[in-house]
Amino acid sequence: MKRILLFAATLLFALTGFGQTYHIKVSLDNMAVLKTSEINKDEFAISEFSRIDDGQGSFKRIPEKPFEYALVKGGKLENILLFDDTLKPNEKLTLRYLFMEIDSPPLFPDDGAGIALITLQNTDKGILSDFTITQGDKIPEAKKLKPTQFPLKKVVDLTGHGGHLQVHFRIEAIPVAKK
């Protein structure tokens, strides 16, 4: 009888799934220009490259239109939602954000301010994460993932383009109620 109950409990557990799904939100609380690289203003765009596990990646440019944010020294952007999706049990999400100072016209990237690499992995112990930043256009490498308390707030200074940006990231992992 014990074997039948153990088998039934195991089968029920396997069929209903295990682990927790999380709603992931990555946003910029604000991005401030402390020093421009050009005389009057800098024009910025953010490129997002995202991938779940080893599947197909996606690309998005922020903002889509207009093609850049024009900011003077002391200017700032606030509350920009970068990523908003779910992370299922055992999935790993990799996000790369490239901050570019661009010239307009002719709208082509010329200066990399920095790259943020965010890795989130949904495990049976909760969300493990890594947040790595590099200056300029150097490609960051992921470090060891570690347990994380959410919301995670990171303030980074990007100086790789001759100017100085201060970027305030906010990462949220909200448990999704099971149906």
C-alpha atoms as a PDB file:
ATOM      1  CA  MET A   1       0.000   0.000   0.000  1.00  0.00           C
ATOM      2  CA  LYS A   2       2.850   2.372   0.878  1.00  0.00           C
ATOM      3  CA  ARG A   3       4.414   1.757  -2.534  1.00  0.00           C
ATOM      4  CA  ILE A   4       1.163   2.570  -4.320  1.00  0.00           C
ATOM      5  CA  LEU A   5       0.735   5.798  -2.325  1.00  0.00           C
ATOM      6  CA  LEU A   6       4.382   6.763  -2.934  1.00  0.00           C
ATOM      7  CA  PHE A   7       3.999   6.017  -6.665  1.00  0.00           C
ATOM      8  CA  ALA A   8       0.745   8.029  -6.840  1.00  0.00           C
ATOM      9  CA  ALA A   9       2.314  10.985  -4.996  1.00  0.00           C
ATOM     10  CA  THR A  10       5.381  10.881  -7.260  1.00  0.00           C
ATOM     11  CA  LEU A  11       3.209  10.685 -10.386  1.00  0.00           C
ATOM     12  CA  LEU A  12       0.994  13.549  -9.191  1.00  0.00           C
ATOM     13  CA  PHE A  13       4.086  15.652  -8.408  1.00  0.00           C
ATOM     14  CA  ALA A  14       5.567  14.920 -11.854  1.00  0.00           C
ATOM     15  CA  LEU A  15       2.328  15.682 -13.704  1.00  0.00           C
ATOM     16  CA  THR A  16       1.586  18.932 -11.896  1.00  0.00           C
ATOM     17  CA  GLY A  17       5.126  20.125 -12.279  1.00  0.00           C
ATOM     18  CA  PHE A  18       7.464  21.397  -9.652  1.00  0.00           C
ATOM     19  CA  GLY A  19       9.260  24.601  -9.123  1.00  0.00           C
ATOM     20  CA  GLN A  20       8.052  28.145  -9.277  1.00  0.00           C
ATOM     21  CA  THR A  21       7.465  30.323 -12.337  1.00  0.00           C
ATOM     22  CA  TYR A  22       8.541  33.956 -11.925  1.00  0.00           C
ATOM     23  CA  HIS A  23       7.479  37.131 -13.692  1.00  0.00           C
ATOM     24  CA  ILE A  24      10.742  38.934 -14.501  1.00  0.00           C
ATOM     25  CA  LYS A  25      10.881  42.695 -14.970  1.00  0.00           C
ATOM     26  CA  VAL A  26      14.060  44.597 -15.744  1.00  0.00           C
ATOM     27  CA  SER A  27      13.844  48.373 -15.821  1.00  0.00           C
ATOM     28  CA  LEU A  28      15.903  51.514 -15.595  1.00  0.00           C
ATOM     29  CA  ASP A  29      14.674  53.529 -12.632  1.00  0.00           C
ATOM     30  CA  ASN A  30      16.711  56.341 -14.157  1.00  0.00           C
ATOM     31  CA  MET A  31      19.653  57.047 -16.423  1.00  0.00           C
ATOM     32  CA  ALA A  32      21.420  60.349 -15.795  1.00  0.00           C
ATOM     33  CA  VAL A  33      24.023  62.112 -17.915  1.00  0.00           C
ATOM     34  CA  LEU A  34      26.724  63.404 -15.568  1.00  0.00           C
ATOM     35  CA  LYS A  35      29.049  64.415 -18.426  1.00  0.00           C
ATOM     36  CA  THR A  36      28.416  64.536 -22.174  1.00  0.00           C
ATOM     37  CA  SER A  37      31.004  63.294 -24.652  1.00  0.00           C
ATOM     38  CA  GLU A  38      29.961  65.930 -27.191  1.00  0.00           C
ATOM     39  CA  ILE A  39      29.691  69.695 -26.764  1.00  0.00           C
ATOM     40  CA  ASN A  40      25.919  70.172 -26.443  1.00  0.00           C
ATOM     41  CA  LYS A  41      24.250  66.821 -25.925  1.00  0.00           C
ATOM     42  CA  ASP A  42      24.606  63.079 -26.384  1.00  0.00           C
ATOM     43  CA  GLU A  43      22.147  60.865 -28.207  1.00  0.00           C
ATOM     44  CA  PHE A  44      21.747  57.410 -26.695  1.00  0.00           C
ATOM     45  CA  ALA A  45      20.175  54.143 -27.705  1.00  0.00           C
ATOM     46  CA  ILE A  46      20.028  50.881 -25.800  1.00  0.00           C
ATOM     47  CA  SER A  47      20.189  47.533 -27.586  1.00  0.00           C
ATOM     48  CA  GLU A  48      18.787  44.468 -25.833  1.00  0.00           C
ATOM     49  CA  PHE A  49      19.819  40.937 -26.716  1.00  0.00           C
ATOM     50  CA  SER A  50      17.871  38.290 -24.798  1.00  0.00           C
ATOM     51  CA  ARG A  51      17.942  34.503 -24.804  1.00  0.00           C
ATOM     52  CA  ILE A  52      16.217  31.836 -22.722  1.00  0.00           C
ATOM     53  CA  ASP A  53      18.352  28.720 -22.276  1.00  0.00           C
ATOM     54  CA  ASP A  54      20.085  27.907 -25.558  1.00  0.00           C
ATOM     55  CA  GLY A  55      17.050  28.771 -27.668  1.00  0.00           C
ATOM     56  CA  GLN A  56      16.478  31.450 -30.239  1.00  0.00           C
ATOM     57  CA  GLY A  57      17.609  34.866 -29.081  1.00  0.00           C
ATOM     58  CA  SER A  58      15.817  38.131 -29.695  1.00  0.00           C
ATOM     59  CA  PHE A  59      16.938  41.688 -30.333  1.00  0.00           C
ATOM     60  CA  LYS A  60      15.195  44.949 -29.536  1.00  0.00           C
ATOM     61  CA  ARG A  61      16.257  48.557 -29.722  1.00  0.00           C
ATOM     62  CA  ILE A  62      15.180  51.007 -27.020  1.00  0.00           C
ATOM     63  CA  PRO A  63      13.641  53.355 -27.938  1.00  0.00           C
ATOM     64  CA  GLU A  64      12.139  51.936 -31.120  1.00  0.00           C
ATOM     65  CA  LYS A  65      11.082  55.410 -32.294  1.00  0.00           C
ATOM     66  CA  PRO A  66      12.494  57.993 -32.165  1.00  0.00           C
ATOM     67  CA  PHE A  67      15.773  56.190 -32.716  1.00  0.00           C
ATOM     68  CA  GLU A  68      17.571  57.753 -29.759  1.00  0.00           C
ATOM     69  CA  TYR A  69      17.225  59.643 -26.507  1.00  0.00           C
ATOM     70  CA  ALA A  70      18.825  63.102 -26.690  1.00  0.00           C
ATOM     71  CA  LEU A  71      20.212  64.152 -23.312  1.00  0.00           C
ATOM     72  CA  VAL A  72      22.150  67.177 -22.128  1.00  0.00           C
ATOM     73  CA  LYS A  73      24.407  67.218 -19.078  1.00  0.00           C
ATOM     74  CA  GLY A  74      22.210  66.865 -16.018  1.00  0.00           C
ATOM     75  CA  GLY A  75      19.407  65.324 -18.103  1.00  0.00           C
ATOM     76  CA  LYS A  76      17.846  62.025 -17.137  1.00  0.00           C
ATOM     77  CA  LEU A  77      15.433  59.368 -18.283  1.00  0.00           C
ATOM     78  CA  GLU A  78      13.146  57.636 -15.801  1.00  0.00           C
ATOM     79  CA  ASN A  79      11.078  54.460 -15.582  1.00  0.00           C
ATOM     80  CA  ILE A  80      12.086  52.674 -18.777  1.00  0.00           C
ATOM     81  CA  LEU A  81      10.858  49.077 -18.912  1.00  0.00           C
ATOM     82  CA  LEU A  82      13.507  46.967 -20.637  1.00  0.00           C
ATOM     83  CA  PHE A  83      12.287  43.378 -20.193  1.00  0.00           C
ATOM     84  CA  ASP A  84       8.949  41.906 -19.074  1.00  0.00           C
ATOM     85  CA  ASP A  85       8.356  38.146 -19.359  1.00  0.00           C
ATOM     86  CA  THR A  86       8.144  34.911 -17.364  1.00  0.00           C
ATOM     87  CA  LEU A  87      10.899  32.532 -16.371  1.00  0.00           C
ATOM     88  CA  LYS A  88       9.739  28.941 -15.949  1.00  0.00           C
ATOM     89  CA  PRO A  89      11.319  26.373 -13.622  1.00  0.00           C
ATOM     90  CA  ASN A  90      14.861  25.390 -14.632  1.00  0.00           C
ATOM     91  CA  GLU A  91      15.080  28.085 -17.327  1.00  0.00           C
ATOM     92  CA  LYS A  92      18.050  30.401 -17.656  1.00  0.00           C
ATOM     93  CA  LEU A  93      17.665  33.938 -19.025  1.00  0.00           C
ATOM     94  CA  THR A  94      20.564  35.939 -20.426  1.00  0.00           C
ATOM     95  CA  LEU A  95      20.125  39.662 -21.118  1.00  0.00           C
ATOM     96  CA  ARG A  96      22.757  41.920 -22.656  1.00  0.00           C
ATOM     97  CA  TYR A  97      22.236  45.674 -22.741  1.00  0.00           C
ATOM     98  CA  LEU A  98      24.519  47.730 -24.943  1.00  0.00           C
ATOM     99  CA  PHE A  99      24.478  51.471 -24.200  1.00  0.00           C
ATOM    100  CA  MET A 100      25.564  53.435 -27.271  1.00  0.00           C
ATOM    101  CA  GLU A 101      26.161  57.124 -27.811  1.00  0.00           C
ATOM    102  CA  ILE A 102      25.159  57.708 -31.423  1.00  0.00           C
ATOM    103  CA  ASP A 103      25.478  60.611 -33.812  1.00  0.00           C
ATOM    104  CA  SER A 104      22.353  61.952 -35.464  1.00  0.00           C
ATOM    105  CA  PRO A 105      22.411  62.265 -38.424  1.00  0.00           C
ATOM    106  CA  PRO A 106      23.530  59.838 -39.858  1.00  0.00           C
ATOM    107  CA  LEU A 107      22.250  57.603 -37.030  1.00  0.00           C
ATOM    108  CA  PHE A 108      25.112  55.201 -36.735  1.00  0.00           C
ATOM    109  CA  PRO A 109      26.687  53.940 -33.524  1.00  0.00           C
ATOM    110  CA  ASP A 110      30.087  55.344 -32.783  1.00  0.00           C
ATOM    111  CA  ASP A 111      30.771  55.089 -29.070  1.00  0.00           C
ATOM    112  CA  GLY A 112      29.999  52.244 -26.706  1.00  0.00           C
ATOM    113  CA  ALA A 113      29.306  53.556 -23.210  1.00  0.00           C
ATOM    114  CA  GLY A 114      29.124  50.110 -21.660  1.00  0.00           C
ATOM    115  CA  ILE A 115      27.500  46.692 -21.668  1.00  0.00           C
ATOM    116  CA  ALA A 116      25.430  45.149 -18.878  1.00  0.00           C
ATOM    117  CA  LEU A 117      25.143  41.352 -18.733  1.00  0.00           C
ATOM    118  CA  ILE A 118      22.313  40.030 -16.570  1.00  0.00           C
ATOM    119  CA  THR A 119      21.920  36.284 -16.066  1.00  0.00           C
ATOM    120  CA  LEU A 120      18.971  34.828 -14.148  1.00  0.00           C
ATOM    121  CA  GLN A 121      18.425  31.118 -13.571  1.00  0.00           C
ATOM    122  CA  ASN A 122      15.270  29.649 -12.059  1.00  0.00           C
ATOM    123  CA  THR A 123      16.271  26.752  -9.796  1.00  0.00           C
ATOM    124  CA  ASP A 124      14.527  24.730  -7.116  1.00  0.00           C
ATOM    125  CA  LYS A 125      16.302  27.022  -4.621  1.00  0.00           C
ATOM    126  CA  GLY A 126      14.873  30.190  -6.195  1.00  0.00           C
ATOM    127  CA  ILE A 127      16.402  32.634  -8.652  1.00  0.00           C
ATOM    128  CA  LEU A 128      20.179  32.703  -8.976  1.00  0.00           C
ATOM    129  CA  SER A 129      21.665  35.748 -10.668  1.00  0.00           C
ATOM    130  CA  ASP A 130      24.757  37.499 -11.920  1.00  0.00           C
ATOM    131  CA  PHE A 131      25.084  41.154 -12.927  1.00  0.00           C
ATOM    132  CA  THR A 132      28.270  42.130 -14.756  1.00  0.00           C
ATOM    133  CA  ILE A 133      29.105  45.505 -16.294  1.00  0.00           C
ATOM    134  CA  THR A 134      31.919  46.511 -18.627  1.00  0.00           C
ATOM    135  CA  GLN A 135      33.009  49.907 -19.900  1.00  0.00           C
ATOM    136  CA  GLY A 136      33.100  50.775 -23.598  1.00  0.00           C
ATOM    137  CA  ASP A 137      32.431  47.934 -25.987  1.00  0.00           C
ATOM    138  CA  LYS A 138      34.242  45.162 -24.064  1.00  0.00           C
ATOM    139  CA  ILE A 139      32.167  41.994 -23.920  1.00  0.00           C
ATOM    140  CA  PRO A 140      31.351  41.016 -20.312  1.00  0.00           C
ATOM    141  CA  GLU A 141      31.705  37.438 -19.127  1.00  0.00           C
ATOM    142  CA  ALA A 142      29.252  35.862 -16.719  1.00  0.00           C
ATOM    143  CA  LYS A 143      30.495  35.025 -13.264  1.00  0.00           C
ATOM    144  CA  LYS A 144      29.198  32.468 -10.797  1.00  0.00           C
ATOM    145  CA  LEU A 145      25.446  32.694 -10.266  1.00  0.00           C
ATOM    146  CA  LYS A 146      24.434  33.332  -6.672  1.00  0.00           C
ATOM    147  CA  PRO A 147      21.196  33.481  -4.652  1.00  0.00           C
ATOM    148  CA  THR A 148      19.563  36.895  -4.906  1.00  0.00           C
ATOM    149  CA  GLN A 149      17.078  38.951  -2.927  1.00  0.00           C
ATOM    150  CA  PHE A 150      14.557  40.792  -5.105  1.00  0.00           C
ATOM    151  CA  PRO A 151      13.968  43.494  -6.049  1.00  0.00           C
ATOM    152  CA  LEU A 152      17.616  43.828  -7.003  1.00  0.00           C
ATOM    153  CA  LYS A 153      18.822  47.397  -7.468  1.00  0.00           C
ATOM    154  CA  LYS A 154      22.148  48.172  -9.114  1.00  0.00           C
ATOM    155  CA  VAL A 155      23.698  51.570  -9.787  1.00  0.00           C
ATOM    156  CA  VAL A 156      26.430  51.553 -12.419  1.00  0.00           C
ATOM    157  CA  ASP A 157      28.615  54.262 -13.898  1.00  0.00           C
ATOM    158  CA  LEU A 158      29.365  54.017 -17.619  1.00  0.00           C
ATOM    159  CA  THR A 159      32.309  56.066 -18.837  1.00  0.00           C
ATOM    160  CA  GLY A 160      33.428  54.154 -21.909  1.00  0.00           C
ATOM    161  CA  HIS A 161      32.367  56.783 -24.466  1.00  0.00           C
ATOM    162  CA  GLY A 162      34.195  59.826 -23.100  1.00  0.00           C
ATOM    163  CA  GLY A 163      31.106  60.930 -21.210  1.00  0.00           C
ATOM    164  CA  HIS A 164      29.641  59.716 -17.937  1.00  0.00           C
ATOM    165  CA  LEU A 165      26.270  57.973 -17.519  1.00  0.00           C
ATOM    166  CA  GLN A 166      24.854  56.795 -14.224  1.00  0.00           C
ATOM    167  CA  VAL A 167      22.342  54.000 -14.732  1.00  0.00           C
ATOM    168  CA  HIS A 168      19.994  52.696 -12.022  1.00  0.00           C
ATOM    169  CA  PHE A 169      18.786  49.159 -12.824  1.00  0.00           C
ATOM    170  CA  ARG A 170      15.882  47.440 -11.062  1.00  0.00           C
ATOM    171  CA  ILE A 171      15.306  43.710 -11.457  1.00  0.00           C
ATOM    172  CA  GLU A 172      12.151  42.114 -10.090  1.00  0.00           C
ATOM    173  CA  ALA A 173      11.285  38.412  -9.831  1.00  0.00           C
ATOM    174  CA  ILE A 174       7.648  38.042  -8.800  1.00  0.00           C
ATOM    175  CA  PRO A 175       6.293  34.535  -8.106  1.00  0.00           C
ATOM    176  CA  VAL A 176       3.420  33.608 -10.408  1.00  0.00           C
ATOM    177  CA  ALA A 177       0.479  31.951  -8.681  1.00  0.00           C
ATOM    178  CA  LYS A 178      -0.125  28.376  -9.797  1.00  0.00           C
ATOM    179  CA  LYS A 179      -3.503  27.713 -11.371  1.00  0.00           C
END
